[in-house]
C-alpha atoms as a PDB file:
ATOM      1  CA  MET A   1      28.392  10.668  74.741  1.00  0.00           C
ATOM      2  CA  ARG A   2      29.649  10.239  78.334  1.00  0.00           C
ATOM      3  CA  GLN A   3      29.009  12.862  80.941  1.00  0.00           C
ATOM      4  CA  ARG A   4      31.905  14.326  82.847  1.00  0.00           C
ATOM      5  CA  LYS A   5      32.102  12.918  86.352  1.00  0.00           C
ATOM      6  CA  SER A   6      31.895  15.416  89.178  1.00  0.00           C
ATOM      7  CA  TYR A   7      33.448  14.968  92.601  1.00  0.00           C
ATOM      8  CA  PRO A   8      32.408  16.526  95.908  1.00  0.00           C
ATOM      9  CA  LYS A   9      34.531  19.394  97.170  1.00  0.00           C
ATOM     10  CA  SER A  10      35.414  17.413 100.312  1.00  0.00           C
ATOM     11  CA  PHE A  11      36.803  14.581  98.164  1.00  0.00           C
ATOM     12  CA  LYS A  12      38.885  16.982  96.077  1.00  0.00           C
ATOM     13  CA  THR A  13      40.262  18.605  99.211  1.00  0.00           C
ATOM     14  CA  GLN A  14      41.186  15.214 100.652  1.00  0.00           C
ATOM     15  CA  VAL A  15      43.002  14.156  97.467  1.00  0.00           C
ATOM     16  CA  VAL A  16      44.919  17.455  97.291  1.00  0.00           C
ATOM     17  CA  GLN A  17      45.946  17.091 100.954  1.00  0.00           C
ATOM     18  CA  GLU A  18      47.271  13.589 100.215  1.00  0.00           C
ATOM     19  CA  CYS A  19      49.273  14.946  97.267  1.00  0.00           C
ATOM     20  CA  LYS A  20      50.981  17.474  99.546  1.00  0.00           C
ATOM     21  CA  GLN A  21      52.543  14.753 101.699  1.00  0.00           C
ATOM     22  CA  PRO A  22      56.316  14.359 101.229  1.00  0.00           C
ATOM     23  CA  GLY A  23      57.467  11.573  98.958  1.00  0.00           C
ATOM     24  CA  VAL A  24      54.144  10.819  97.253  1.00  0.00           C
ATOM     25  CA  SER A  25      53.368  11.177  93.575  1.00  0.00           C
ATOM     26  CA  VAL A  26      50.217  12.662  92.122  1.00  0.00           C
ATOM     27  CA  ALA A  27      49.884   9.634  89.850  1.00  0.00           C
ATOM     28  CA  ALA A  28      49.990   7.200  92.779  1.00  0.00           C
ATOM     29  CA  ILE A  29      47.346   9.147  94.712  1.00  0.00           C
ATOM     30  CA  ALA A  30      45.140   9.370  91.626  1.00  0.00           C
ATOM     31  CA  MET A  31      45.421   5.636  90.960  1.00  0.00           C
ATOM     32  CA  ARG A  32      44.582   4.870  94.591  1.00  0.00           C
ATOM     33  CA  HIS A  33      41.346   6.823  94.187  1.00  0.00           C
ATOM     34  CA  GLY A  34      40.589   5.516  90.688  1.00  0.00           C
ATOM     35  CA  ILE A  35      40.850   8.847  88.899  1.00  0.00           C
ATOM     36  CA  ASN A  36      43.101  10.234  86.195  1.00  0.00           C
ATOM     37  CA  ALA A  37      46.239  12.044  87.383  1.00  0.00           C
ATOM     38  CA  ASN A  38      45.529  14.971  85.032  1.00  0.00           C
ATOM     39  CA  VAL A  39      42.243  15.586  86.857  1.00  0.00           C
ATOM     40  CA  VAL A  40      44.090  15.752  90.170  1.00  0.00           C
ATOM     41  CA  ARG A  41      46.730  18.076  88.702  1.00  0.00           C
ATOM     42  CA  ARG A  42      43.934  20.468  87.682  1.00  0.00           C
ATOM     43  CA  TRP A  43      42.669  20.499  91.293  1.00  0.00           C
ATOM     44  CA  LEU A  44      46.062  21.266  92.871  1.00  0.00           C
ATOM     45  CA  PRO A  45      46.300  25.006  92.084  1.00  0.00           C
ATOM     46  CA  LEU A  46      42.603  25.562  92.825  1.00  0.00           C
ATOM     47  CA  TYR A  47      42.712  24.072  96.289  1.00  0.00           C
ATOM     48  CA  ARG A  48      46.176  25.371  97.162  1.00  0.00           C
ATOM     49  CA  ASP A  49      44.960  28.913  96.450  1.00  0.00           C
ATOM     50  CA  GLN A  50      41.947  28.420  98.715  1.00  0.00           C
ATOM     51  CA  GLU A  51      44.127  27.073 101.504  1.00  0.00           C
ATOM     52  CA  ALA A  52      46.518  30.016 101.270  1.00  0.00           C
ATOM     53  CA  ALA A  53      43.584  32.411 101.635  1.00  0.00           C
ATOM     54  CA  THR A  54      42.578  30.803 104.937  1.00  0.00           C
ATOM     55  CA  LEU A  55      46.055  30.995 106.489  1.00  0.00           C
ATOM     56  CA  PRO A  56      46.838  34.021 108.648  1.00  0.00           C
ATOM     57  CA  ALA A  57      48.911  36.669 106.915  1.00  0.00           C
ATOM     58  CA  PHE A  58      50.830  37.485 110.085  1.00  0.00           C
ATOM     59  CA  ILE A  59      51.983  35.307 112.940  1.00  0.00           C
ATOM     60  CA  PRO A  60      52.117  36.924 116.375  1.00  0.00           C
ATOM     61  CA  VAL A  61      55.600  36.979 117.897  1.00  0.00           C
ATOM     62  CA  ASN A  62      56.426  37.740 121.515  1.00  0.00           C
ATOM     63  CA  VAL A  63      59.609  39.726 121.994  1.00  0.00           C
ATOM     64  CA  GLY A  64      61.208  39.781 125.423  1.00  0.00           C
ATOM     65  CA  ALA A  65      62.308  43.009 127.109  1.00  0.00           C
ATOM     66  CA  ASP A  66      65.951  41.941 126.910  1.00  0.00           C
ATOM     67  CA  ALA A  67      65.829  41.276 123.153  1.00  0.00           C
ATOM     68  CA  GLU A  68      68.809  42.717 121.324  1.00  0.00           C
ATOM     69  CA  LEU A  69      68.150  44.767 118.207  1.00  0.00           C
ATOM     70  CA  THR A  70      70.593  44.514 115.330  1.00  0.00           C
END
């Protein structure tokens, strides 16, 4: 019986980042790296959730004194 191949977290993160680029397909990225597209699709929600947790919840905004309220 074959063992399941494991990939380093840095590799998974890199592949997920490539998949987020506009106009690319998950299948093409997976083929480029020699892995099955279904494996990459399993990584997408895991690493997207981690990325969202590291983003700031609020973005500071400077409002000028002459700003008009509506």
